[in-house]
């Protein structure tokens, strides 16, 4: 059954989702692209993607820049659906290449030699998908510049 009226708090909910996902990816992208917050920087990240995961350099650069600039785009609400789609796809690849083999749960006990499962990635992909489907909402540059929210 299709709802006739959008929920009263839709725009506020989209703002919260966009800001949360955007901040997470600005931070993670900053590690990969700029070497901030304990990250290794762009060259080391791309090399690690290639060496440990078999990801070609061009896709490694794409993933790092998608996280960083996609996060900024989500915070601003600019090209929001495209940014969320890119981030969702990046998390899907991370799930398949890294986390799926470790099961569902995060490694809360920090057991040596065991990586994190995919539960966090699943949550991030769900948020990204919700934004792709809903758009940026009114509190966004997309909402100010066009009718693409």
C-alpha atoms as a PDB file:
ATOM      1  CA  UNK A   1       0.000   0.000   0.000  1.00  0.00           C
ATOM      2  CA  UNK A   2       1.488   3.307  -1.087  1.00  0.00           C
ATOM      3  CA  UNK A   3       1.424   6.184   1.381  1.00  0.00           C
ATOM      4  CA  UNK A   4      -0.268   9.315   0.080  1.00  0.00           C
ATOM      5  CA  UNK A   5       1.606  11.733   2.333  1.00  0.00           C
ATOM      6  CA  UNK A   6       5.297  11.632   3.131  1.00  0.00           C
ATOM      7  CA  UNK A   7       6.162  11.229   6.794  1.00  0.00           C
ATOM      8  CA  UNK A   8       6.210  14.472   8.708  1.00  0.00           C
ATOM      9  CA  UNK A   9       9.880  14.139   9.699  1.00  0.00           C
ATOM     10  CA  UNK A  10      11.227  12.787   6.386  1.00  0.00           C
ATOM     11  CA  UNK A  11      13.572  15.709   5.701  1.00  0.00           C
ATOM     12  CA  UNK A  12      14.987  15.679   9.205  1.00  0.00           C
ATOM     13  CA  UNK A  13      15.477  11.895   9.061  1.00  0.00           C
ATOM     14  CA  UNK A  14      17.306  12.189   5.728  1.00  0.00           C
ATOM     15  CA  UNK A  15      19.516  14.924   7.160  1.00  0.00           C
ATOM     16  CA  UNK A  16      20.476  12.696  10.100  1.00  0.00           C
ATOM     17  CA  UNK A  17      21.219   9.739   7.808  1.00  0.00           C
ATOM     18  CA  UNK A  18      23.221  11.887   5.367  1.00  0.00           C
ATOM     19  CA  UNK A  19      25.280  13.531   8.094  1.00  0.00           C
ATOM     20  CA  UNK A  20      26.017  10.266   9.891  1.00  0.00           C
ATOM     21  CA  UNK A  21      27.041   8.396   6.741  1.00  0.00           C
ATOM     22  CA  UNK A  22      28.881  11.419   5.356  1.00  0.00           C
ATOM     23  CA  UNK A  23      30.931  12.010   8.512  1.00  0.00           C
ATOM     24  CA  UNK A  24      31.841   8.318   8.747  1.00  0.00           C
ATOM     25  CA  UNK A  25      33.140   8.365   5.181  1.00  0.00           C
ATOM     26  CA  UNK A  26      34.901  11.725   5.401  1.00  0.00           C
ATOM     27  CA  UNK A  27      36.817  10.274   8.346  1.00  0.00           C
ATOM     28  CA  UNK A  28      37.594   6.919   6.684  1.00  0.00           C
ATOM     29  CA  UNK A  29      38.367   8.638   3.383  1.00  0.00           C
ATOM     30  CA  UNK A  30      40.709  11.041   5.198  1.00  0.00           C
ATOM     31  CA  UNK A  31      42.680   8.050   6.427  1.00  0.00           C
ATOM     32  CA  UNK A  32      42.965   6.634   2.935  1.00  0.00           C
ATOM     33  CA  UNK A  33      43.479   9.820   0.905  1.00  0.00           C
ATOM     34  CA  UNK A  34      45.269  12.156   3.328  1.00  0.00           C
ATOM     35  CA  UNK A  35      46.847   9.785   5.854  1.00  0.00           C
ATOM     36  CA  UNK A  36      44.979  11.441   8.734  1.00  0.00           C
ATOM     37  CA  UNK A  37      43.666   9.768  11.902  1.00  0.00           C
ATOM     38  CA  UNK A  38      46.219   6.954  11.801  1.00  0.00           C
ATOM     39  CA  UNK A  39      45.729   6.238   8.102  1.00  0.00           C
ATOM     40  CA  UNK A  40      48.546   5.391   5.736  1.00  0.00           C
ATOM     41  CA  UNK A  41      47.723   7.792   2.908  1.00  0.00           C
ATOM     42  CA  UNK A  42      46.746   7.305  -0.690  1.00  0.00           C
ATOM     43  CA  UNK A  43      49.738   5.461  -2.141  1.00  0.00           C
ATOM     44  CA  UNK A  44      50.009   2.991   0.737  1.00  0.00           C
ATOM     45  CA  UNK A  45      46.258   2.376   0.699  1.00  0.00           C
ATOM     46  CA  UNK A  46      46.176   1.689  -3.041  1.00  0.00           C
ATOM     47  CA  UNK A  47      49.223  -0.579  -2.725  1.00  0.00           C
ATOM     48  CA  UNK A  48      47.585  -2.506   0.137  1.00  0.00           C
ATOM     49  CA  UNK A  49      44.366  -2.913  -1.878  1.00  0.00           C
ATOM     50  CA  UNK A  50      46.387  -4.309  -4.771  1.00  0.00           C
ATOM     51  CA  UNK A  51      48.702  -6.554  -2.741  1.00  0.00           C
ATOM     52  CA  UNK A  52      46.239  -7.988  -0.220  1.00  0.00           C
ATOM     53  CA  UNK A  53      42.949  -7.905  -2.122  1.00  0.00           C
ATOM     54  CA  UNK A  54      43.920  -7.998  -5.785  1.00  0.00           C
ATOM     55  CA  UNK A  55      42.183  -4.686  -6.464  1.00  0.00           C
ATOM     56  CA  UNK A  56      43.755  -2.880  -9.448  1.00  0.00           C
ATOM     57  CA  UNK A  57      45.241   0.559  -8.638  1.00  0.00           C
ATOM     58  CA  UNK A  58      42.638   2.483 -10.660  1.00  0.00           C
ATOM     59  CA  UNK A  59      39.872   0.893  -8.559  1.00  0.00           C
ATOM     60  CA  UNK A  60      41.845   1.488  -5.360  1.00  0.00           C
ATOM     61  CA  UNK A  61      42.061   5.190  -6.160  1.00  0.00           C
ATOM     62  CA  UNK A  62      38.375   5.187  -7.073  1.00  0.00           C
ATOM     63  CA  UNK A  63      37.423   3.581  -3.751  1.00  0.00           C
ATOM     64  CA  UNK A  64      39.544   5.975  -1.666  1.00  0.00           C
ATOM     65  CA  UNK A  65      38.247   9.066  -3.475  1.00  0.00           C
ATOM     66  CA  UNK A  66      34.667   7.763  -3.362  1.00  0.00           C
ATOM     67  CA  UNK A  67      34.879   7.470   0.419  1.00  0.00           C
ATOM     68  CA  UNK A  68      36.434  10.910   0.913  1.00  0.00           C
ATOM     69  CA  UNK A  69      34.598  13.009  -1.674  1.00  0.00           C
ATOM     70  CA  UNK A  70      31.407  10.946  -1.400  1.00  0.00           C
ATOM     71  CA  UNK A  71      31.384  11.656   2.330  1.00  0.00           C
ATOM     72  CA  UNK A  72      31.786  15.382   1.700  1.00  0.00           C
ATOM     73  CA  UNK A  73      29.001  15.262  -0.892  1.00  0.00           C
ATOM     74  CA  UNK A  74      26.675  13.539   1.584  1.00  0.00           C
ATOM     75  CA  UNK A  75      27.372  16.095   4.311  1.00  0.00           C
ATOM     76  CA  UNK A  76      26.599  18.903   1.870  1.00  0.00           C
ATOM     77  CA  UNK A  77      23.724  17.072   0.225  1.00  0.00           C
ATOM     78  CA  UNK A  78      25.257  17.572  -3.215  1.00  0.00           C
ATOM     79  CA  UNK A  79      24.924  14.855  -5.877  1.00  0.00           C
ATOM     80  CA  UNK A  80      23.581  12.878  -2.969  1.00  0.00           C
ATOM     81  CA  UNK A  81      22.142   9.851  -4.721  1.00  0.00           C
ATOM     82  CA  UNK A  82      25.323   9.360  -6.755  1.00  0.00           C
ATOM     83  CA  UNK A  83      27.518   9.712  -3.656  1.00  0.00           C
ATOM     84  CA  UNK A  84      25.392   7.252  -1.681  1.00  0.00           C
ATOM     85  CA  UNK A  85      25.400   4.793  -4.581  1.00  0.00           C
ATOM     86  CA  UNK A  86      29.199   4.955  -4.798  1.00  0.00           C
ATOM     87  CA  UNK A  87      29.602   4.477  -1.064  1.00  0.00           C
ATOM     88  CA  UNK A  88      27.132   1.582  -1.039  1.00  0.00           C
ATOM     89  CA  UNK A  89      29.006  -0.108  -3.865  1.00  0.00           C
ATOM     90  CA  UNK A  90      32.358   0.450  -2.114  1.00  0.00           C
ATOM     91  CA  UNK A  91      30.964  -1.197   1.029  1.00  0.00           C
ATOM     92  CA  UNK A  92      29.608  -4.115  -1.007  1.00  0.00           C
ATOM     93  CA  UNK A  93      33.088  -4.721  -2.433  1.00  0.00           C
ATOM     94  CA  UNK A  94      34.633  -4.444   1.050  1.00  0.00           C
ATOM     95  CA  UNK A  95      32.090  -6.947   2.324  1.00  0.00           C
ATOM     96  CA  UNK A  96      32.893  -9.485  -0.366  1.00  0.00           C
ATOM     97  CA  UNK A  97      36.680  -8.948  -0.439  1.00  0.00           C
ATOM     98  CA  UNK A  98      37.315  -8.694   3.316  1.00  0.00           C
ATOM     99  CA  UNK A  99      34.485  -9.115   5.790  1.00  0.00           C
ATOM    100  CA  UNK A 100      32.266 -11.931   4.505  1.00  0.00           C
ATOM    101  CA  UNK A 101      34.902 -14.545   5.305  1.00  0.00           C
ATOM    102  CA  UNK A 102      34.863 -13.402   8.946  1.00  0.00           C
ATOM    103  CA  UNK A 103      31.155 -14.056   9.465  1.00  0.00           C
ATOM    104  CA  UNK A 104      28.485 -11.624  10.552  1.00  0.00           C
ATOM    105  CA  UNK A 105      29.716 -10.112  13.826  1.00  0.00           C
ATOM    106  CA  UNK A 106      32.434  -7.572  14.507  1.00  0.00           C
ATOM    107  CA  UNK A 107      35.468  -8.900  16.364  1.00  0.00           C
ATOM    108  CA  UNK A 108      34.531  -7.206  19.652  1.00  0.00           C
ATOM    109  CA  UNK A 109      37.091  -9.167  21.657  1.00  0.00           C
ATOM    110  CA  UNK A 110      39.838  -8.095  19.218  1.00  0.00           C
ATOM    111  CA  UNK A 111      40.882 -11.724  18.881  1.00  0.00           C
ATOM    112  CA  UNK A 112      44.276 -11.797  17.165  1.00  0.00           C
ATOM    113  CA  UNK A 113      44.237 -13.052  13.591  1.00  0.00           C
ATOM    114  CA  UNK A 114      40.466 -12.680  13.255  1.00  0.00           C
ATOM    115  CA  UNK A 115      38.996  -9.809  11.251  1.00  0.00           C
ATOM    116  CA  UNK A 116      35.664  -8.116  11.590  1.00  0.00           C
ATOM    117  CA  UNK A 117      32.493  -9.568  10.126  1.00  0.00           C
ATOM    118  CA  UNK A 118      30.155  -7.686   7.832  1.00  0.00           C
ATOM    119  CA  UNK A 119      27.479  -6.353  10.215  1.00  0.00           C
ATOM    120  CA  UNK A 120      28.860  -2.784  10.147  1.00  0.00           C
ATOM    121  CA  UNK A 121      29.133  -2.871   6.357  1.00  0.00           C
ATOM    122  CA  UNK A 122      25.536  -4.068   6.131  1.00  0.00           C
ATOM    123  CA  UNK A 123      24.348  -1.121   8.243  1.00  0.00           C
ATOM    124  CA  UNK A 124      26.304   1.338   6.096  1.00  0.00           C
ATOM    125  CA  UNK A 125      24.947  -0.212   2.882  1.00  0.00           C
ATOM    126  CA  UNK A 126      21.394   0.012   4.238  1.00  0.00           C
ATOM    127  CA  UNK A 127      21.816   3.700   5.066  1.00  0.00           C
ATOM    128  CA  UNK A 128      23.320   4.345   1.637  1.00  0.00           C
ATOM    129  CA  UNK A 129      20.447   2.515  -0.070  1.00  0.00           C
ATOM    130  CA  UNK A 130      17.863   4.489   1.914  1.00  0.00           C
ATOM    131  CA  UNK A 131      19.499   7.707   0.706  1.00  0.00           C
ATOM    132  CA  UNK A 132      19.679   6.480  -2.899  1.00  0.00           C
ATOM    133  CA  UNK A 133      15.968   5.667  -2.798  1.00  0.00           C
ATOM    134  CA  UNK A 134      14.849   8.803  -0.936  1.00  0.00           C
ATOM    135  CA  UNK A 135      17.232  11.493  -2.126  1.00  0.00           C
ATOM    136  CA  UNK A 136      18.815  14.220  -0.057  1.00  0.00           C
ATOM    137  CA  UNK A 137      15.734  15.892   1.372  1.00  0.00           C
ATOM    138  CA  UNK A 138      15.048  19.606   1.617  1.00  0.00           C
ATOM    139  CA  UNK A 139      17.989  20.382   3.918  1.00  0.00           C
ATOM    140  CA  UNK A 140      20.586  19.904   1.200  1.00  0.00           C
ATOM    141  CA  UNK A 141      22.251  21.635  -1.698  1.00  0.00           C
ATOM    142  CA  UNK A 142      20.403  19.248  -3.988  1.00  0.00           C
ATOM    143  CA  UNK A 143      17.158  20.500  -2.432  1.00  0.00           C
ATOM    144  CA  UNK A 144      18.164  24.119  -3.032  1.00  0.00           C
ATOM    145  CA  UNK A 145      19.527  23.659  -6.553  1.00  0.00           C
ATOM    146  CA  UNK A 146      17.073  21.279  -8.173  1.00  0.00           C
ATOM    147  CA  UNK A 147      14.038  19.107  -7.696  1.00  0.00           C
ATOM    148  CA  UNK A 148      16.179  15.957  -7.385  1.00  0.00           C
ATOM    149  CA  UNK A 149      15.594  15.385  -3.683  1.00  0.00           C
END
